[in-house]
């Protein structure tokens, strides 16, 4: 699952919703595999995201995304 959030508050709201959904469905988020790529000119830091890992580059459906164009191109095209 890929989710986009705007700030710390929307991040917190997302996990409240996911926990609520999980209590109804039996599904849960694997927090050990959760990765975060901060987009834009944000001042968010890893401490703002509980135990989730903040990444420089992230893979979504087989495609790498990140700010480093050379690294991204190397991973996607080589």
PDB file of N, CA and C in Angstrom:
ATOM      1  N   UNK A   1       0.847  -1.162   0.000  1.00  0.00           N
ATOM      2  CA  UNK A   1       0.000   0.000   0.000  1.00  0.00           C
ATOM      3  C   UNK A   1       0.898   1.233   0.000  1.00  0.00           C
ATOM      4  N   UNK A   2       0.529   2.222  -0.766  1.00  0.00           N
ATOM      5  CA  UNK A   2       1.234   3.494  -0.809  1.00  0.00           C
ATOM      6  C   UNK A   2       0.276   4.585  -0.362  1.00  0.00           C
ATOM      7  N   UNK A   3       0.711   5.397   0.574  1.00  0.00           N
ATOM      8  CA  UNK A   3      -0.112   6.501   1.083  1.00  0.00           C
ATOM      9  C   UNK A   3       0.692   7.784   1.023  1.00  0.00           C
ATOM     10  N   UNK A   4       0.024   8.862   0.725  1.00  0.00           N
ATOM     11  CA  UNK A   4       0.646  10.177   0.722  1.00  0.00           C
ATOM     12  C   UNK A   4       0.007  11.005   1.824  1.00  0.00           C
ATOM     13  N   UNK A   5       0.832  11.608   2.648  1.00  0.00           N
ATOM     14  CA  UNK A   5       0.330  12.462   3.725  1.00  0.00           C
ATOM     15  C   UNK A   5       1.014  13.820   3.640  1.00  0.00           C
ATOM     16  N   UNK A   6       0.363  14.819   4.179  1.00  0.00           N
ATOM     17  CA  UNK A   6       0.830  16.201   4.051  1.00  0.00           C
ATOM     18  C   UNK A   6       1.784  16.614   5.170  1.00  0.00           C
ATOM     19  N   UNK A   7       1.531  16.160   6.371  1.00  0.00           N
ATOM     20  CA  UNK A   7       2.294  16.624   7.527  1.00  0.00           C
ATOM     21  C   UNK A   7       2.174  15.617   8.666  1.00  0.00           C
ATOM     22  N   UNK A   8       2.720  15.984   9.839  1.00  0.00           N
ATOM     23  CA  UNK A   8       2.687  15.069  10.985  1.00  0.00           C
ATOM     24  C   UNK A   8       1.266  14.735  11.409  1.00  0.00           C
ATOM     25  N   UNK A   9       0.380  15.706  11.323  1.00  0.00           N
ATOM     26  CA  UNK A   9      -1.001  15.472  11.740  1.00  0.00           C
ATOM     27  C   UNK A   9      -1.704  14.477  10.813  1.00  0.00           C
ATOM     28  N   UNK A  10      -1.505  14.625   9.508  1.00  0.00           N
ATOM     29  CA  UNK A  10      -2.140  13.688   8.575  1.00  0.00           C
ATOM     30  C   UNK A  10      -1.500  12.308   8.678  1.00  0.00           C
ATOM     31  N   UNK A  11      -0.219  12.264   8.998  1.00  0.00           N
ATOM     32  CA  UNK A  11       0.467  10.991   9.243  1.00  0.00           C
ATOM     33  C   UNK A  11      -0.171  10.279  10.442  1.00  0.00           C
ATOM     34  N   UNK A  12      -0.372  11.021  11.525  1.00  0.00           N
ATOM     35  CA  UNK A  12      -0.987  10.438  12.720  1.00  0.00           C
ATOM     36  C   UNK A  12      -2.410   9.983  12.431  1.00  0.00           C
ATOM     37  N   UNK A  13      -3.160  10.780  11.685  1.00  0.00           N
ATOM     38  CA  UNK A  13      -4.540  10.419  11.327  1.00  0.00           C
ATOM     39  C   UNK A  13      -4.581   9.158  10.484  1.00  0.00           C
ATOM     40  N   UNK A  14      -3.647   9.023   9.564  1.00  0.00           N
ATOM     41  CA  UNK A  14      -3.590   7.828   8.720  1.00  0.00           C
ATOM     42  C   UNK A  14      -3.463   6.580   9.580  1.00  0.00           C
ATOM     43  N   UNK A  15      -2.579   6.603  10.560  1.00  0.00           N
ATOM     44  CA  UNK A  15      -2.373   5.406  11.369  1.00  0.00           C
ATOM     45  C   UNK A  15      -3.515   5.142  12.332  1.00  0.00           C
ATOM     46  N   UNK A  16      -4.246   6.169  12.730  1.00  0.00           N
ATOM     47  CA  UNK A  16      -5.463   5.958  13.519  1.00  0.00           C
ATOM     48  C   UNK A  16      -6.494   5.229  12.655  1.00  0.00           C
ATOM     49  N   UNK A  17      -6.646   5.666  11.399  1.00  0.00           N
ATOM     50  CA  UNK A  17      -7.587   5.034  10.471  1.00  0.00           C
ATOM     51  C   UNK A  17      -7.165   3.597  10.182  1.00  0.00           C
ATOM     52  N   UNK A  18      -5.867   3.386   9.934  1.00  0.00           N
ATOM     53  CA  UNK A  18      -5.383   2.033   9.632  1.00  0.00           C
ATOM     54  C   UNK A  18      -5.564   1.092  10.819  1.00  0.00           C
ATOM     55  N   UNK A  19      -5.336   1.582  12.021  1.00  0.00           N
ATOM     56  CA  UNK A  19      -5.542   0.754  13.216  1.00  0.00           C
ATOM     57  C   UNK A  19      -7.020   0.415  13.376  1.00  0.00           C
ATOM     58  N   UNK A  20      -7.892   1.380  13.121  1.00  0.00           N
ATOM     59  CA  UNK A  20      -9.333   1.152  13.214  1.00  0.00           C
ATOM     60  C   UNK A  20      -9.776   0.123  12.172  1.00  0.00           C
ATOM     61  N   UNK A  21      -9.293   0.277  10.954  1.00  0.00           N
ATOM     62  CA  UNK A  21      -9.600  -0.677   9.890  1.00  0.00           C
ATOM     63  C   UNK A  21      -9.096  -2.070  10.272  1.00  0.00           C
ATOM     64  N   UNK A  22      -7.898  -2.122  10.845  1.00  0.00           N
ATOM     65  CA  UNK A  22      -7.314  -3.399  11.241  1.00  0.00           C
ATOM     66  C   UNK A  22      -8.110  -4.110  12.312  1.00  0.00           C
ATOM     67  N   UNK A  23      -8.690  -3.348  13.230  1.00  0.00           N
ATOM     68  CA  UNK A  23      -9.480  -3.996  14.282  1.00  0.00           C
ATOM     69  C   UNK A  23     -10.752  -4.615  13.717  1.00  0.00           C
ATOM     70  N   UNK A  24     -11.254  -4.077  12.610  1.00  0.00           N
ATOM     71  CA  UNK A  24     -12.461  -4.635  11.963  1.00  0.00           C
ATOM     72  C   UNK A  24     -12.129  -5.787  11.018  1.00  0.00           C
ATOM     73  N   UNK A  25     -11.011  -5.671  10.314  1.00  0.00           N
ATOM     74  CA  UNK A  25     -10.705  -6.631   9.252  1.00  0.00           C
ATOM     75  C   UNK A  25      -9.720  -7.713   9.654  1.00  0.00           C
ATOM     76  N   UNK A  26      -8.958  -7.475  10.701  1.00  0.00           N
ATOM     77  CA  UNK A  26      -7.921  -8.423  11.078  1.00  0.00           C
ATOM     78  C   UNK A  26      -6.607  -8.167  10.364  1.00  0.00           C
ATOM     79  N   UNK A  27      -6.574  -7.193   9.466  1.00  0.00           N
ATOM     80  CA  UNK A  27      -5.338  -6.836   8.766  1.00  0.00           C
ATOM     81  C   UNK A  27      -4.574  -5.822   9.603  1.00  0.00           C
ATOM     82  N   UNK A  28      -3.260  -5.758   9.386  1.00  0.00           N
ATOM     83  CA  UNK A  28      -2.476  -4.788  10.134  1.00  0.00           C
ATOM     84  C   UNK A  28      -1.292  -4.301   9.311  1.00  0.00           C
ATOM     85  N   UNK A  29      -0.780  -3.163   9.682  1.00  0.00           N
ATOM     86  CA  UNK A  29       0.396  -2.583   9.038  1.00  0.00           C
ATOM     87  C   UNK A  29       1.631  -3.252   9.626  1.00  0.00           C
ATOM     88  N   UNK A  30       2.556  -3.664   8.767  1.00  0.00           N
ATOM     89  CA  UNK A  30       3.828  -4.198   9.234  1.00  0.00           C
ATOM     90  C   UNK A  30       4.758  -2.999   9.447  1.00  0.00           C
ATOM     91  N   UNK A  31       4.863  -2.551  10.682  1.00  0.00           N
ATOM     92  CA  UNK A  31       5.625  -1.349  10.998  1.00  0.00           C
ATOM     93  C   UNK A  31       7.116  -1.526  10.718  1.00  0.00           C
ATOM     94  N   UNK A  32       7.621  -2.755  10.758  1.00  0.00           N
ATOM     95  CA  UNK A  32       9.032  -3.006  10.467  1.00  0.00           C
ATOM     96  C   UNK A  32       9.359  -2.760   9.005  1.00  0.00           C
ATOM     97  N   UNK A  33       8.376  -2.897   8.120  1.00  0.00           N
ATOM     98  CA  UNK A  33       8.600  -2.696   6.685  1.00  0.00           C
ATOM     99  C   UNK A  33       8.149  -1.323   6.201  1.00  0.00           C
ATOM    100  N   UNK A  34       7.568  -0.528   7.079  1.00  0.00           N
ATOM    101  CA  UNK A  34       7.061   0.772   6.684  1.00  0.00           C
ATOM    102  C   UNK A  34       8.213   1.722   6.392  1.00  0.00           C
ATOM    103  N   UNK A  35       8.187   2.339   5.205  1.00  0.00           N
ATOM    104  CA  UNK A  35       9.208   3.292   4.783  1.00  0.00           C
ATOM    105  C   UNK A  35       8.543   4.611   4.429  1.00  0.00           C
ATOM    106  N   UNK A  36       9.243   5.696   4.716  1.00  0.00           N
ATOM    107  CA  UNK A  36       8.706   7.024   4.468  1.00  0.00           C
ATOM    108  C   UNK A  36       9.687   7.806   3.621  1.00  0.00           C
ATOM    109  N   UNK A  37       9.179   8.428   2.561  1.00  0.00           N
ATOM    110  CA  UNK A  37       9.960   9.349   1.736  1.00  0.00           C
ATOM    111  C   UNK A  37       9.312  10.714   1.902  1.00  0.00           C
ATOM    112  N   UNK A  38      10.038  11.646   2.495  1.00  0.00           N
ATOM    113  CA  UNK A  38       9.513  12.986   2.731  1.00  0.00           C
ATOM    114  C   UNK A  38       9.595  13.762   1.419  1.00  0.00           C
ATOM    115  N   UNK A  39       8.456  14.295   1.001  1.00  0.00           N
ATOM    116  CA  UNK A  39       8.378  15.047  -0.251  1.00  0.00           C
ATOM    117  C   UNK A  39       8.345  16.542   0.023  1.00  0.00           C
ATOM    118  N   UNK A  40       8.875  17.326  -0.894  1.00  0.00           N
ATOM    119  CA  UNK A  40       8.806  18.781  -0.789  1.00  0.00           C
ATOM    120  C   UNK A  40       9.843  19.348   0.157  1.00  0.00           C
ATOM    121  N   UNK A  41       9.667  20.605   0.477  1.00  0.00           N
ATOM    122  CA  UNK A  41      10.585  21.327   1.357  1.00  0.00           C
ATOM    123  C   UNK A  41      10.129  21.214   2.801  1.00  0.00           C
ATOM    124  N   UNK A  42      10.005  20.017   3.261  1.00  0.00           N
ATOM    125  CA  UNK A  42       9.488  19.766   4.597  1.00  0.00           C
ATOM    126  C   UNK A  42      10.623  19.734   5.611  1.00  0.00           C
ATOM    127  N   UNK A  43      10.310  20.085   6.834  1.00  0.00           N
ATOM    128  CA  UNK A  43      11.294  20.033   7.912  1.00  0.00           C
ATOM    129  C   UNK A  43      11.045  18.832   8.817  1.00  0.00           C
ATOM    130  N   UNK A  44      10.398  17.809   8.292  1.00  0.00           N
ATOM    131  CA  UNK A  44      10.111  16.613   9.075  1.00  0.00           C
ATOM    132  C   UNK A  44      11.372  15.771   9.221  1.00  0.00           C
ATOM    133  N   UNK A  45      11.502  15.127  10.374  1.00  0.00           N
ATOM    134  CA  UNK A  45      12.662  14.297  10.666  1.00  0.00           C
ATOM    135  C   UNK A  45      12.197  12.910  11.085  1.00  0.00           C
ATOM    136  N   UNK A  46      13.151  11.994  11.149  1.00  0.00           N
ATOM    137  CA  UNK A  46      12.816  10.605  11.479  1.00  0.00           C
ATOM    138  C   UNK A  46      12.100  10.502  12.827  1.00  0.00           C
ATOM    139  N   UNK A  47      12.446  11.354  13.776  1.00  0.00           N
ATOM    140  CA  UNK A  47      11.805  11.318  15.093  1.00  0.00           C
ATOM    141  C   UNK A  47      10.318  11.671  15.014  1.00  0.00           C
ATOM    142  N   UNK A  48       9.907  12.329  13.931  1.00  0.00           N
ATOM    143  CA  UNK A  48       8.499  12.697  13.750  1.00  0.00           C
ATOM    144  C   UNK A  48       7.634  11.515  13.317  1.00  0.00           C
ATOM    145  N   UNK A  49       8.249  10.388  12.966  1.00  0.00           N
ATOM    146  CA  UNK A  49       7.521   9.265  12.396  1.00  0.00           C
ATOM    147  C   UNK A  49       7.600   8.008  13.249  1.00  0.00           C
ATOM    148  N   UNK A  50       7.550   8.155  14.555  1.00  0.00           N
ATOM    149  CA  UNK A  50       7.584   7.012  15.475  1.00  0.00           C
ATOM    150  C   UNK A  50       8.752   6.100  15.147  1.00  0.00           C
ATOM    151  N   UNK A  51       8.485   4.844  14.883  1.00  0.00           N
ATOM    152  CA  UNK A  51       9.554   3.880  14.615  1.00  0.00           C
ATOM    153  C   UNK A  51       9.728   3.595  13.137  1.00  0.00           C
ATOM    154  N   UNK A  52       9.140   4.400  12.276  1.00  0.00           N
ATOM    155  CA  UNK A  52       9.226   4.141  10.845  1.00  0.00           C
ATOM    156  C   UNK A  52      10.480   4.771  10.256  1.00  0.00           C
ATOM    157  N   UNK A  53      11.028   4.087   9.275  1.00  0.00           N
ATOM    158  CA  UNK A  53      12.286   4.486   8.671  1.00  0.00           C
ATOM    159  C   UNK A  53      12.055   5.546   7.595  1.00  0.00           C
ATOM    160  N   UNK A  54      12.808   6.629   7.639  1.00  0.00           N
ATOM    161  CA  UNK A  54      12.770   7.662   6.611  1.00  0.00           C
ATOM    162  C   UNK A  54      13.853   7.325   5.591  1.00  0.00           C
ATOM    163  N   UNK A  55      13.464   7.242   4.305  1.00  0.00           N
ATOM    164  CA  UNK A  55      14.375   6.819   3.248  1.00  0.00           C
ATOM    165  C   UNK A  55      14.699   7.964   2.300  1.00  0.00           C
ATOM    166  N   UNK A  56      15.850   7.855   1.644  1.00  0.00           N
ATOM    167  CA  UNK A  56      16.240   8.802   0.604  1.00  0.00           C
ATOM    168  C   UNK A  56      15.618   8.402  -0.732  1.00  0.00           C
ATOM    169  N   UNK A  57      15.419   7.107  -0.901  1.00  0.00           N
ATOM    170  CA  UNK A  57      14.836   6.572  -2.134  1.00  0.00           C
ATOM    171  C   UNK A  57      13.893   5.439  -1.737  1.00  0.00           C
ATOM    172  N   UNK A  58      12.818   5.293  -2.483  1.00  0.00           N
ATOM    173  CA  UNK A  58      11.800   4.309  -2.125  1.00  0.00           C
ATOM    174  C   UNK A  58      11.323   3.603  -3.388  1.00  0.00           C
ATOM    175  N   UNK A  59      10.965   2.333  -3.263  1.00  0.00           N
ATOM    176  CA  UNK A  59      10.507   1.534  -4.398  1.00  0.00           C
ATOM    177  C   UNK A  59       9.010   1.295  -4.266  1.00  0.00           C
ATOM    178  N   UNK A  60       8.264   1.712  -5.294  1.00  0.00           N
ATOM    179  CA  UNK A  60       6.815   1.530  -5.313  1.00  0.00           C
ATOM    180  C   UNK A  60       6.452   0.819  -6.610  1.00  0.00           C
ATOM    181  N   UNK A  61       5.879  -0.373  -6.496  1.00  0.00           N
ATOM    182  CA  UNK A  61       5.472  -1.178  -7.656  1.00  0.00           C
ATOM    183  C   UNK A  61       6.602  -1.351  -8.663  1.00  0.00           C
ATOM    184  N   UNK A  62       7.818  -1.579  -8.167  1.00  0.00           N
ATOM    185  CA  UNK A  62       8.959  -1.846  -9.019  1.00  0.00           C
ATOM    186  C   UNK A  62       9.668  -0.623  -9.560  1.00  0.00           C
ATOM    187  N   UNK A  63       9.213   0.561  -9.216  1.00  0.00           N
ATOM    188  CA  UNK A  63       9.830   1.803  -9.691  1.00  0.00           C
ATOM    189  C   UNK A  63      10.403   2.549  -8.497  1.00  0.00           C
ATOM    190  N   UNK A  64      11.654   3.009  -8.650  1.00  0.00           N
ATOM    191  CA  UNK A  64      12.309   3.749  -7.581  1.00  0.00           C
ATOM    192  C   UNK A  64      11.992   5.235  -7.695  1.00  0.00           C
ATOM    193  N   UNK A  65      11.723   5.866  -6.542  1.00  0.00           N
ATOM    194  CA  UNK A  65      11.454   7.297  -6.457  1.00  0.00           C
ATOM    195  C   UNK A  65      12.406   7.902  -5.439  1.00  0.00           C
ATOM    196  N   UNK A  66      12.878   9.099  -5.719  1.00  0.00           N
ATOM    197  CA  UNK A  66      13.746   9.805  -4.790  1.00  0.00           C
ATOM    198  C   UNK A  66      14.227  11.088  -5.425  1.00  0.00           C
ATOM    199  N   UNK A  67      14.977  11.868  -4.657  1.00  0.00           N
ATOM    200  CA  UNK A  67      15.445  13.163  -5.137  1.00  0.00           C
ATOM    201  C   UNK A  67      16.740  13.076  -5.929  1.00  0.00           C
ATOM    202  N   UNK A  68      17.565  12.063  -5.672  1.00  0.00           N
ATOM    203  CA  UNK A  68      18.846  11.925  -6.362  1.00  0.00           C
ATOM    204  C   UNK A  68      18.609  11.317  -7.751  1.00  0.00           C
ATOM    205  N   UNK A  69      18.651  12.163  -8.768  1.00  0.00           N
ATOM    206  CA  UNK A  69      18.311  11.726 -10.131  1.00  0.00           C
ATOM    207  C   UNK A  69      19.249  10.635 -10.633  1.00  0.00           C
ATOM    208  N   UNK A  70      20.553  10.766 -10.384  1.00  0.00           N
ATOM    209  CA  UNK A  70      21.502   9.760 -10.860  1.00  0.00           C
ATOM    210  C   UNK A  70      21.228   8.405 -10.217  1.00  0.00           C
ATOM    211  N   UNK A  71      21.058   8.394  -8.903  1.00  0.00           N
ATOM    212  CA  UNK A  71      20.778   7.142  -8.199  1.00  0.00           C
ATOM    213  C   UNK A  71      19.465   6.535  -8.681  1.00  0.00           C
ATOM    214  N   UNK A  72      18.442   7.358  -8.834  1.00  0.00           N
ATOM    215  CA  UNK A  72      17.135   6.893  -9.291  1.00  0.00           C
ATOM    216  C   UNK A  72      17.234   6.295 -10.687  1.00  0.00           C
ATOM    217  N   UNK A  73      17.946   6.966 -11.602  1.00  0.00           N
ATOM    218  CA  UNK A  73      18.099   6.452 -12.962  1.00  0.00           C
ATOM    219  C   UNK A  73      18.896   5.160 -12.985  1.00  0.00           C
ATOM    220  N   UNK A  74      19.957   5.085 -12.179  1.00  0.00           N
ATOM    221  CA  UNK A  74      20.742   3.853 -12.092  1.00  0.00           C
ATOM    222  C   UNK A  74      19.878   2.679 -11.647  1.00  0.00           C
ATOM    223  N   UNK A  75      19.064   2.894 -10.644  1.00  0.00           N
ATOM    224  CA  UNK A  75      18.223   1.810 -10.129  1.00  0.00           C
ATOM    225  C   UNK A  75      17.107   1.443 -11.095  1.00  0.00           C
ATOM    226  N   UNK A  76      16.529   2.409 -11.788  1.00  0.00           N
ATOM    227  CA  UNK A  76      15.390   2.134 -12.670  1.00  0.00           C
ATOM    228  C   UNK A  76      15.799   1.621 -14.049  1.00  0.00           C
ATOM    229  N   UNK A  77      16.983   2.011 -14.537  1.00  0.00           N
ATOM    230  CA  UNK A  77      17.307   1.714 -15.936  1.00  0.00           C
ATOM    231  C   UNK A  77      18.508   0.803 -16.108  1.00  0.00           C
ATOM    232  N   UNK A  78      19.156   0.404 -15.054  1.00  0.00           N
ATOM    233  CA  UNK A  78      20.302  -0.493 -15.220  1.00  0.00           C
ATOM    234  C   UNK A  78      20.064  -1.796 -14.524  1.00  0.00           C
TER     235      UNK A  78
END
